[in-house]
Amino acid sequence: MKKRRIWVTVLVLCGGLLLAAFDVRLRTVSYEVVSDKITAPVRLALLTDLHSCAYGGGQRTLLDAVAAQTPDAVLLAGDIVDDVMPEENAWTTVQELAADYPCFYVTGNHEWWTGEAERICGQMEDLGVTVLRGNSVSAVLNGQRVTLCGIDDPDAGESEAQLAQAGTDVMGNSFTILMAHRPERIEQYLQYPFDLIVSGHAHGGQWRIPGILNGLYAPHQGLFPAYAGGRYDLDGTVFLVSRGLARESTRVPRIFNRPELVIVDVLPA
């Protein structure tokens, strides 16, 4: 009986570990960024790498998670639309978000792989989303003036020129955000004094061992990527890499790597 109890305990623990490892329920992750360029809090919701994946009927699981956080704006940092999966879930999500919040978008590589990135950008604009392609916009969020800059994915072939253009728009007295899908190009982004840079693309390194391995593999970074997901404080700039929202679109399952909605609270110093 004692041996049987031990085996049952071991099996239960193994089962629990497997369930935790392959858990792909949405989670919300929050970060705080302190700045002396604002005088009141600004809350941002960051969504990346949706890849047209499903989040319940009408995308309510994801949309309700965003609504629960009451953001002042939503940042869509690439690969919202997938090149293989049907687009319906992506557009349901974007349409609902754009109806409720100021939304800002940059392309990811998968939008360019569709061969219809221009059409996708146009459709985003038709829904009221601000598309950033080397340009910058000034937005008032919770009474605070924030500058948002963005560049296309490098697969567009213009990201370096767009970055140079966006970098010239950085104003020292305005909190400035760069949206750029690819985290591995961070050294290029750091040529300019952005206060906050947000990216996705790495999918959290796909496989993780919490507390030991932040990510096993990420595209364009290879094994043990330096920027798989999380917060990185670099030369006075806060760099946030979302682990993304992709689930059924990935060929390799996520392990200890739940998809995430990222909430960024920009707080006055």
C-alpha atoms as a PDB file:
ATOM      1  CA  MET A   1       0.000   0.000   0.000  1.00  0.00           C
ATOM      2  CA  LYS A   2       2.845   2.373   0.804  1.00  0.00           C
ATOM      3  CA  LYS A   3       4.482   1.767  -2.592  1.00  0.00           C
ATOM      4  CA  ARG A   4       1.129   2.253  -4.304  1.00  0.00           C
ATOM      5  CA  ARG A   5       0.644   5.619  -2.599  1.00  0.00           C
ATOM      6  CA  ILE A   6       4.122   6.685  -3.673  1.00  0.00           C
ATOM      7  CA  TRP A   7       3.403   5.722  -7.289  1.00  0.00           C
ATOM      8  CA  VAL A   8       0.054   7.496  -7.243  1.00  0.00           C
ATOM      9  CA  THR A   9       1.712  10.613  -5.852  1.00  0.00           C
ATOM     10  CA  VAL A  10       4.422  10.476  -8.514  1.00  0.00           C
ATOM     11  CA  LEU A  11       1.847  10.043 -11.288  1.00  0.00           C
ATOM     12  CA  VAL A  12      -0.251  12.929  -9.981  1.00  0.00           C
ATOM     13  CA  LEU A  13       2.803  15.174  -9.794  1.00  0.00           C
ATOM     14  CA  CYS A  14       3.885  14.187 -13.313  1.00  0.00           C
ATOM     15  CA  GLY A  15       0.388  14.812 -14.596  1.00  0.00           C
ATOM     16  CA  GLY A  16       0.294  18.224 -12.965  1.00  0.00           C
ATOM     17  CA  LEU A  17       3.697  19.069 -14.411  1.00  0.00           C
ATOM     18  CA  LEU A  18       2.573  18.091 -17.914  1.00  0.00           C
ATOM     19  CA  LEU A  19      -0.586  20.160 -17.601  1.00  0.00           C
ATOM     20  CA  ALA A  20       1.454  23.159 -16.483  1.00  0.00           C
ATOM     21  CA  ALA A  21       4.010  22.648 -19.239  1.00  0.00           C
ATOM     22  CA  PHE A  22       1.444  22.632 -22.042  1.00  0.00           C
ATOM     23  CA  ASP A  23      -0.893  25.231 -20.556  1.00  0.00           C
ATOM     24  CA  VAL A  24      -1.803  27.719 -23.301  1.00  0.00           C
ATOM     25  CA  ARG A  25      -4.401  29.741 -21.416  1.00  0.00           C
ATOM     26  CA  LEU A  26      -4.006  33.482 -21.853  1.00  0.00           C
ATOM     27  CA  ARG A  27      -2.233  35.290 -19.037  1.00  0.00           C
ATOM     28  CA  THR A  28      -1.778  38.999 -18.377  1.00  0.00           C
ATOM     29  CA  VAL A  29       1.717  40.278 -17.609  1.00  0.00           C
ATOM     30  CA  SER A  30       2.300  43.786 -16.265  1.00  0.00           C
ATOM     31  CA  TYR A  31       5.330  46.083 -16.301  1.00  0.00           C
ATOM     32  CA  GLU A  32       5.919  49.546 -14.873  1.00  0.00           C
ATOM     33  CA  VAL A  33       8.003  52.215 -16.596  1.00  0.00           C
ATOM     34  CA  VAL A  34       8.784  55.381 -14.634  1.00  0.00           C
ATOM     35  CA  SER A  35       9.382  58.662 -16.475  1.00  0.00           C
ATOM     36  CA  ASP A  36       9.752  62.328 -15.592  1.00  0.00           C
ATOM     37  CA  LYS A  37       8.170  63.217 -18.962  1.00  0.00           C
ATOM     38  CA  ILE A  38       4.633  62.584 -17.768  1.00  0.00           C
ATOM     39  CA  THR A  39       2.620  63.810 -14.796  1.00  0.00           C
ATOM     40  CA  ALA A  40      -0.181  61.209 -14.771  1.00  0.00           C
ATOM     41  CA  PRO A  41      -0.219  57.445 -15.386  1.00  0.00           C
ATOM     42  CA  VAL A  42      -0.652  56.090 -18.919  1.00  0.00           C
ATOM     43  CA  ARG A  43      -1.680  52.463 -19.408  1.00  0.00           C
ATOM     44  CA  LEU A  44      -0.853  50.622 -22.635  1.00  0.00           C
ATOM     45  CA  ALA A  45      -1.966  47.180 -23.793  1.00  0.00           C
ATOM     46  CA  LEU A  46       0.588  45.427 -26.015  1.00  0.00           C
ATOM     47  CA  LEU A  47      -0.572  42.645 -28.356  1.00  0.00           C
ATOM     48  CA  THR A  48       1.847  40.832 -30.637  1.00  0.00           C
ATOM     49  CA  ASP A  49       1.943  37.640 -32.691  1.00  0.00           C
ATOM     50  CA  LEU A  50      -1.754  36.854 -32.609  1.00  0.00           C
ATOM     51  CA  HIS A  51      -1.313  34.995 -35.905  1.00  0.00           C
ATOM     52  CA  SER A  52      -5.083  34.946 -36.366  1.00  0.00           C
ATOM     53  CA  CYS A  53      -5.433  32.475 -33.480  1.00  0.00           C
ATOM     54  CA  ALA A  54      -8.745  31.832 -31.729  1.00  0.00           C
ATOM     55  CA  TYR A  55      -9.546  33.165 -28.268  1.00  0.00           C
ATOM     56  CA  GLY A  56     -13.089  31.964 -27.694  1.00  0.00           C
ATOM     57  CA  GLY A  57     -16.276  32.886 -29.511  1.00  0.00           C
ATOM     58  CA  GLY A  58     -15.939  36.351 -30.971  1.00  0.00           C
ATOM     59  CA  GLN A  59     -12.423  36.482 -29.493  1.00  0.00           C
ATOM     60  CA  ARG A  60     -14.042  37.321 -26.145  1.00  0.00           C
ATOM     61  CA  THR A  61     -11.317  35.728 -23.996  1.00  0.00           C
ATOM     62  CA  LEU A  62      -8.728  38.127 -25.379  1.00  0.00           C
ATOM     63  CA  LEU A  63     -11.016  41.129 -25.744  1.00  0.00           C
ATOM     64  CA  ASP A  64     -12.379  40.785 -22.212  1.00  0.00           C
ATOM     65  CA  ALA A  65      -8.832  40.487 -20.852  1.00  0.00           C
ATOM     66  CA  VAL A  66      -7.952  43.785 -22.529  1.00  0.00           C
ATOM     67  CA  ALA A  67     -11.148  45.451 -21.323  1.00  0.00           C
ATOM     68  CA  ALA A  68     -10.455  44.356 -17.741  1.00  0.00           C
ATOM     69  CA  GLN A  69      -7.237  46.401 -17.814  1.00  0.00           C
ATOM     70  CA  THR A  70      -8.893  49.615 -19.129  1.00  0.00           C
ATOM     71  CA  PRO A  71      -5.907  50.720 -21.234  1.00  0.00           C
ATOM     72  CA  ASP A  72      -5.525  54.224 -22.624  1.00  0.00           C
ATOM     73  CA  ALA A  73      -4.255  52.782 -25.933  1.00  0.00           C
ATOM     74  CA  VAL A  74      -3.528  49.466 -27.625  1.00  0.00           C
ATOM     75  CA  LEU A  75      -0.238  48.707 -29.402  1.00  0.00           C
ATOM     76  CA  LEU A  76      -0.407  46.029 -32.125  1.00  0.00           C
ATOM     77  CA  ALA A  77       3.250  45.155 -32.709  1.00  0.00           C
ATOM     78  CA  GLY A  78       3.140  42.853 -35.707  1.00  0.00           C
ATOM     79  CA  ASP A  79       2.038  39.395 -36.883  1.00  0.00           C
ATOM     80  CA  ILE A  80      -1.550  40.093 -35.927  1.00  0.00           C
ATOM     81  CA  VAL A  81      -2.582  38.554 -39.265  1.00  0.00           C
ATOM     82  CA  ASP A  82      -1.087  35.171 -40.184  1.00  0.00           C
ATOM     83  CA  ASP A  83       0.014  34.081 -43.658  1.00  0.00           C
ATOM     84  CA  VAL A  84      -1.556  30.594 -43.359  1.00  0.00           C
ATOM     85  CA  MET A  85      -4.385  30.782 -40.824  1.00  0.00           C
ATOM     86  CA  PRO A  86      -7.704  32.335 -41.908  1.00  0.00           C
ATOM     87  CA  GLU A  87      -7.768  36.049 -41.121  1.00  0.00           C
ATOM     88  CA  GLU A  88     -11.203  36.224 -39.481  1.00  0.00           C
ATOM     89  CA  ASN A  89     -10.036  36.033 -35.860  1.00  0.00           C
ATOM     90  CA  ALA A  90      -7.468  38.777 -36.437  1.00  0.00           C
ATOM     91  CA  TRP A  91      -9.998  41.176 -37.909  1.00  0.00           C
ATOM     92  CA  THR A  92     -12.613  40.421 -35.266  1.00  0.00           C
ATOM     93  CA  THR A  93     -10.035  41.327 -32.628  1.00  0.00           C
ATOM     94  CA  VAL A  94      -8.826  44.495 -34.331  1.00  0.00           C
ATOM     95  CA  GLN A  95     -12.320  45.755 -35.154  1.00  0.00           C
ATOM     96  CA  GLU A  96     -13.463  45.420 -31.547  1.00  0.00           C
ATOM     97  CA  LEU A  97     -10.310  46.997 -30.120  1.00  0.00           C
ATOM     98  CA  ALA A  98     -10.327  49.909 -32.559  1.00  0.00           C
ATOM     99  CA  ALA A  99     -13.934  50.683 -31.639  1.00  0.00           C
ATOM    100  CA  ASP A 100     -12.987  51.108 -27.972  1.00  0.00           C
ATOM    101  CA  TYR A 101      -9.388  52.366 -27.831  1.00  0.00           C
ATOM    102  CA  PRO A 102      -6.822  54.346 -29.821  1.00  0.00           C
ATOM    103  CA  CYS A 103      -4.895  51.601 -31.642  1.00  0.00           C
ATOM    104  CA  PHE A 104      -1.450  51.744 -33.239  1.00  0.00           C
ATOM    105  CA  TYR A 105      -0.010  49.075 -35.558  1.00  0.00           C
ATOM    106  CA  VAL A 106       3.220  47.987 -37.212  1.00  0.00           C
ATOM    107  CA  THR A 107       3.664  45.061 -39.578  1.00  0.00           C
ATOM    108  CA  GLY A 108       5.394  41.787 -38.751  1.00  0.00           C
ATOM    109  CA  ASN A 109       7.057  39.316 -41.085  1.00  0.00           C
ATOM    110  CA  HIS A 110       3.964  37.140 -41.471  1.00  0.00           C
ATOM    111  CA  GLU A 111       1.912  40.040 -42.803  1.00  0.00           C
ATOM    112  CA  TRP A 112       4.543  40.468 -45.500  1.00  0.00           C
ATOM    113  CA  TRP A 113       4.590  36.718 -46.161  1.00  0.00           C
ATOM    114  CA  THR A 114       0.912  36.924 -47.106  1.00  0.00           C
ATOM    115  CA  GLY A 115       1.937  39.007 -50.117  1.00  0.00           C
ATOM    116  CA  GLU A 116      -0.852  41.402 -49.121  1.00  0.00           C
ATOM    117  CA  ALA A 117       0.754  43.632 -46.505  1.00  0.00           C
ATOM    118  CA  GLU A 118      -0.385  46.792 -48.281  1.00  0.00           C
ATOM    119  CA  ARG A 119      -3.968  45.562 -48.269  1.00  0.00           C
ATOM    120  CA  ILE A 120      -3.674  44.646 -44.570  1.00  0.00           C
ATOM    121  CA  CYS A 121      -2.325  48.108 -43.692  1.00  0.00           C
ATOM    122  CA  GLY A 122      -5.173  49.687 -45.620  1.00  0.00           C
ATOM    123  CA  GLN A 123      -7.717  47.512 -43.865  1.00  0.00           C
ATOM    124  CA  MET A 124      -6.247  48.494 -40.499  1.00  0.00           C
ATOM    125  CA  GLU A 125      -6.621  52.167 -41.398  1.00  0.00           C
ATOM    126  CA  ASP A 126     -10.208  51.596 -42.553  1.00  0.00           C
ATOM    127  CA  LEU A 127     -10.968  50.275 -39.051  1.00  0.00           C
ATOM    128  CA  GLY A 128      -9.518  53.401 -37.464  1.00  0.00           C
ATOM    129  CA  VAL A 129      -6.117  51.981 -36.518  1.00  0.00           C
ATOM    130  CA  THR A 130      -3.076  54.276 -36.880  1.00  0.00           C
ATOM    131  CA  VAL A 131      -0.493  52.457 -39.020  1.00  0.00           C
ATOM    132  CA  LEU A 132       3.105  53.469 -38.346  1.00  0.00           C
ATOM    133  CA  ARG A 133       5.575  52.971 -41.203  1.00  0.00           C
ATOM    134  CA  GLY A 134       8.551  55.165 -40.393  1.00  0.00           C
ATOM    135  CA  ASN A 135       6.293  57.974 -39.284  1.00  0.00           C
ATOM    136  CA  SER A 136       5.484  59.247 -35.812  1.00  0.00           C
ATOM    137  CA  VAL A 137       2.291  60.532 -34.275  1.00  0.00           C
ATOM    138  CA  SER A 138       1.636  62.575 -31.182  1.00  0.00           C
ATOM    139  CA  ALA A 139      -1.233  61.285 -29.064  1.00  0.00           C
ATOM    140  CA  VAL A 140      -2.827  62.587 -25.882  1.00  0.00           C
ATOM    141  CA  LEU A 141      -3.422  59.621 -23.563  1.00  0.00           C
ATOM    142  CA  ASN A 142      -4.987  60.288 -20.164  1.00  0.00           C
ATOM    143  CA  GLY A 143      -4.044  63.941 -20.587  1.00  0.00           C
ATOM    144  CA  GLN A 144      -0.404  63.125 -21.365  1.00  0.00           C
ATOM    145  CA  ARG A 145       1.297  63.796 -24.693  1.00  0.00           C
ATOM    146  CA  VAL A 146       3.030  60.673 -25.958  1.00  0.00           C
ATOM    147  CA  THR A 147       4.928  60.241 -29.238  1.00  0.00           C
ATOM    148  CA  LEU A 148       4.500  56.883 -30.959  1.00  0.00           C
ATOM    149  CA  CYS A 149       6.938  55.823 -33.671  1.00  0.00           C
ATOM    150  CA  GLY A 150       6.866  52.622 -35.670  1.00  0.00           C
ATOM    151  CA  ILE A 151       8.616  50.775 -38.470  1.00  0.00           C
ATOM    152  CA  ASP A 152       7.681  47.986 -40.855  1.00  0.00           C
ATOM    153  CA  ASP A 153       9.153  44.532 -40.463  1.00  0.00           C
ATOM    154  CA  PRO A 154      12.520  44.157 -42.235  1.00  0.00           C
ATOM    155  CA  ASP A 155      10.860  41.906 -44.821  1.00  0.00           C
ATOM    156  CA  ALA A 156       9.351  45.098 -46.217  1.00  0.00           C
ATOM    157  CA  GLY A 157      12.865  46.141 -47.211  1.00  0.00           C
ATOM    158  CA  GLU A 158      12.572  49.660 -45.806  1.00  0.00           C
ATOM    159  CA  SER A 159      12.923  49.302 -42.051  1.00  0.00           C
ATOM    160  CA  GLU A 160      16.382  50.898 -41.766  1.00  0.00           C
ATOM    161  CA  ALA A 161      15.329  54.030 -43.636  1.00  0.00           C
ATOM    162  CA  GLN A 162      12.104  54.106 -41.662  1.00  0.00           C
ATOM    163  CA  LEU A 163      14.010  53.821 -38.379  1.00  0.00           C
ATOM    164  CA  ALA A 164      16.217  56.772 -39.347  1.00  0.00           C
ATOM    165  CA  GLN A 165      13.108  58.799 -40.132  1.00  0.00           C
ATOM    166  CA  ALA A 166      11.358  57.801 -36.903  1.00  0.00           C
ATOM    167  CA  GLY A 167      14.498  58.547 -34.917  1.00  0.00           C
ATOM    168  CA  THR A 168      14.585  62.130 -36.153  1.00  0.00           C
ATOM    169  CA  ASP A 169      11.082  62.637 -34.747  1.00  0.00           C
ATOM    170  CA  VAL A 170      12.120  61.904 -31.161  1.00  0.00           C
ATOM    171  CA  MET A 171      11.375  64.945 -29.008  1.00  0.00           C
ATOM    172  CA  GLY A 172      13.174  65.271 -25.699  1.00  0.00           C
ATOM    173  CA  ASN A 173      10.176  66.601 -23.810  1.00  0.00           C
ATOM    174  CA  SER A 174       7.719  63.901 -24.924  1.00  0.00           C
ATOM    175  CA  PHE A 175       7.619  60.286 -23.765  1.00  0.00           C
ATOM    176  CA  THR A 176       8.500  58.397 -26.944  1.00  0.00           C
ATOM    177  CA  ILE A 177       7.667  54.806 -27.860  1.00  0.00           C
ATOM    178  CA  LEU A 178       9.113  52.795 -30.749  1.00  0.00           C
ATOM    179  CA  MET A 179       7.079  49.871 -32.051  1.00  0.00           C
ATOM    180  CA  ALA A 180       9.287  47.416 -33.979  1.00  0.00           C
ATOM    181  CA  HIS A 181       8.384  43.760 -34.465  1.00  0.00           C
ATOM    182  CA  ARG A 182      11.881  42.230 -34.383  1.00  0.00           C
ATOM    183  CA  PRO A 183      13.755  42.236 -31.043  1.00  0.00           C
ATOM    184  CA  GLU A 184      17.073  41.030 -32.473  1.00  0.00           C
ATOM    185  CA  ARG A 185      17.615  44.466 -34.044  1.00  0.00           C
ATOM    186  CA  ILE A 186      17.691  46.222 -30.698  1.00  0.00           C
ATOM    187  CA  GLU A 187      21.208  47.632 -31.234  1.00  0.00           C
ATOM    188  CA  GLN A 188      19.910  49.566 -34.241  1.00  0.00           C
ATOM    189  CA  TYR A 189      16.937  50.881 -32.279  1.00  0.00           C
ATOM    190  CA  LEU A 190      19.223  52.071 -29.477  1.00  0.00           C
ATOM    191  CA  GLN A 191      20.900  54.528 -31.847  1.00  0.00           C
ATOM    192  CA  TYR A 192      17.978  56.813 -31.040  1.00  0.00           C
ATOM    193  CA  PRO A 193      16.792  58.009 -27.604  1.00  0.00           C
ATOM    194  CA  PHE A 194      13.424  56.244 -27.396  1.00  0.00           C
ATOM    195  CA  ASP A 195      12.073  55.936 -23.862  1.00  0.00           C
ATOM    196  CA  LEU A 196      10.286  52.644 -24.507  1.00  0.00           C
ATOM    197  CA  ILE A 197      10.714  50.059 -27.277  1.00  0.00           C
ATOM    198  CA  VAL A 198       8.215  47.211 -27.739  1.00  0.00           C
ATOM    199  CA  SER A 199       8.665  44.095 -29.859  1.00  0.00           C
ATOM    200  CA  GLY A 200       7.391  40.541 -30.287  1.00  0.00           C
ATOM    201  CA  HIS A 201       8.430  37.911 -32.863  1.00  0.00           C
ATOM    202  CA  ALA A 202      10.405  35.633 -30.504  1.00  0.00           C
ATOM    203  CA  HIS A 203       7.333  33.760 -29.165  1.00  0.00           C
ATOM    204  CA  GLY A 204       9.032  33.524 -25.789  1.00  0.00           C
ATOM    205  CA  GLY A 205      11.689  31.191 -27.125  1.00  0.00           C
ATOM    206  CA  GLN A 206       8.894  28.599 -27.531  1.00  0.00           C
ATOM    207  CA  TRP A 207      10.213  26.293 -24.763  1.00  0.00           C
ATOM    208  CA  ARG A 208      11.101  27.609 -21.312  1.00  0.00           C
ATOM    209  CA  ILE A 209      12.251  26.299 -17.959  1.00  0.00           C
ATOM    210  CA  PRO A 210      11.050  28.930 -15.474  1.00  0.00           C
ATOM    211  CA  GLY A 211      13.888  30.369 -13.427  1.00  0.00           C
ATOM    212  CA  ILE A 212      16.492  28.509 -15.491  1.00  0.00           C
ATOM    213  CA  LEU A 213      15.945  28.991 -19.232  1.00  0.00           C
ATOM    214  CA  ASN A 214      14.102  32.040 -20.556  1.00  0.00           C
ATOM    215  CA  GLY A 215      13.752  30.567 -24.048  1.00  0.00           C
ATOM    216  CA  LEU A 216      15.191  27.747 -26.126  1.00  0.00           C
ATOM    217  CA  TYR A 217      14.938  29.073 -29.676  1.00  0.00           C
ATOM    218  CA  ALA A 218      13.697  32.213 -31.406  1.00  0.00           C
ATOM    219  CA  PRO A 219      13.657  33.100 -35.102  1.00  0.00           C
ATOM    220  CA  HIS A 220      16.612  35.232 -36.182  1.00  0.00           C
ATOM    221  CA  GLN A 221      18.220  34.757 -32.744  1.00  0.00           C
ATOM    222  CA  GLY A 222      18.784  31.003 -32.766  1.00  0.00           C
ATOM    223  CA  LEU A 223      19.340  28.878 -29.683  1.00  0.00           C
ATOM    224  CA  PHE A 224      19.128  30.482 -26.218  1.00  0.00           C
ATOM    225  CA  PRO A 225      17.972  33.878 -27.537  1.00  0.00           C
ATOM    226  CA  ALA A 226      19.060  36.956 -25.654  1.00  0.00           C
ATOM    227  CA  TYR A 227      15.660  38.595 -26.129  1.00  0.00           C
ATOM    228  CA  ALA A 228      13.091  35.815 -25.885  1.00  0.00           C
ATOM    229  CA  GLY A 229      10.634  37.754 -23.772  1.00  0.00           C
ATOM    230  CA  GLY A 230      10.450  40.058 -20.782  1.00  0.00           C
ATOM    231  CA  ARG A 231      11.894  43.376 -19.717  1.00  0.00           C
ATOM    232  CA  TYR A 232      15.380  44.605 -20.573  1.00  0.00           C
ATOM    233  CA  ASP A 233      16.801  47.900 -19.283  1.00  0.00           C
ATOM    234  CA  LEU A 234      19.319  49.141 -21.854  1.00  0.00           C
ATOM    235  CA  ASP A 235      21.169  52.473 -21.866  1.00  0.00           C
ATOM    236  CA  GLY A 236      18.292  54.394 -20.325  1.00  0.00           C
ATOM    237  CA  THR A 237      15.698  52.738 -22.577  1.00  0.00           C
ATOM    238  CA  VAL A 238      13.172  50.152 -21.418  1.00  0.00           C
ATOM    239  CA  PHE A 239      12.862  47.310 -23.938  1.00  0.00           C
ATOM    240  CA  LEU A 240       9.821  45.035 -23.619  1.00  0.00           C
ATOM    241  CA  VAL A 241       9.532  41.844 -25.655  1.00  0.00           C
ATOM    242  CA  SER A 242       6.139  40.159 -25.580  1.00  0.00           C
ATOM    243  CA  ARG A 243       5.950  36.363 -25.663  1.00  0.00           C
ATOM    244  CA  GLY A 244       3.030  36.818 -27.998  1.00  0.00           C
ATOM    245  CA  LEU A 245      -0.394  35.275 -28.454  1.00  0.00           C
ATOM    246  CA  ALA A 246       0.257  32.503 -30.998  1.00  0.00           C
ATOM    247  CA  ARG A 247      -1.216  29.113 -30.099  1.00  0.00           C
ATOM    248  CA  GLU A 248      -2.598  26.785 -32.757  1.00  0.00           C
ATOM    249  CA  SER A 249      -0.606  28.492 -35.520  1.00  0.00           C
ATOM    250  CA  THR A 250       2.744  27.218 -34.224  1.00  0.00           C
ATOM    251  CA  ARG A 251       4.240  23.968 -35.504  1.00  0.00           C
ATOM    252  CA  VAL A 252       6.007  23.356 -32.198  1.00  0.00           C
ATOM    253  CA  PRO A 253       3.950  23.513 -28.971  1.00  0.00           C
ATOM    254  CA  ARG A 254       4.699  26.122 -26.334  1.00  0.00           C
ATOM    255  CA  ILE A 255       6.186  24.609 -23.166  1.00  0.00           C
ATOM    256  CA  PHE A 256       6.025  26.535 -19.873  1.00  0.00           C
ATOM    257  CA  ASN A 257       5.358  29.515 -22.104  1.00  0.00           C
ATOM    258  CA  ARG A 258       1.787  30.722 -21.868  1.00  0.00           C
ATOM    259  CA  PRO A 259       0.601  33.280 -24.422  1.00  0.00           C
ATOM    260  CA  GLU A 260       0.423  36.728 -22.937  1.00  0.00           C
ATOM    261  CA  LEU A 261      -1.301  40.070 -23.018  1.00  0.00           C
ATOM    262  CA  VAL A 262       1.235  42.674 -21.901  1.00  0.00           C
ATOM    263  CA  ILE A 263       0.154  45.701 -19.891  1.00  0.00           C
ATOM    264  CA  VAL A 264       2.555  48.620 -19.561  1.00  0.00           C
ATOM    265  CA  ASP A 265       1.955  51.266 -16.913  1.00  0.00           C
ATOM    266  CA  VAL A 266       3.961  54.412 -17.641  1.00  0.00           C
ATOM    267  CA  LEU A 267       4.142  56.221 -14.315  1.00  0.00           C
ATOM    268  CA  PRO A 268       5.339  59.717 -13.396  1.00  0.00           C
ATOM    269  CA  ALA A 269       8.666  59.886 -11.578  1.00  0.00           C
END
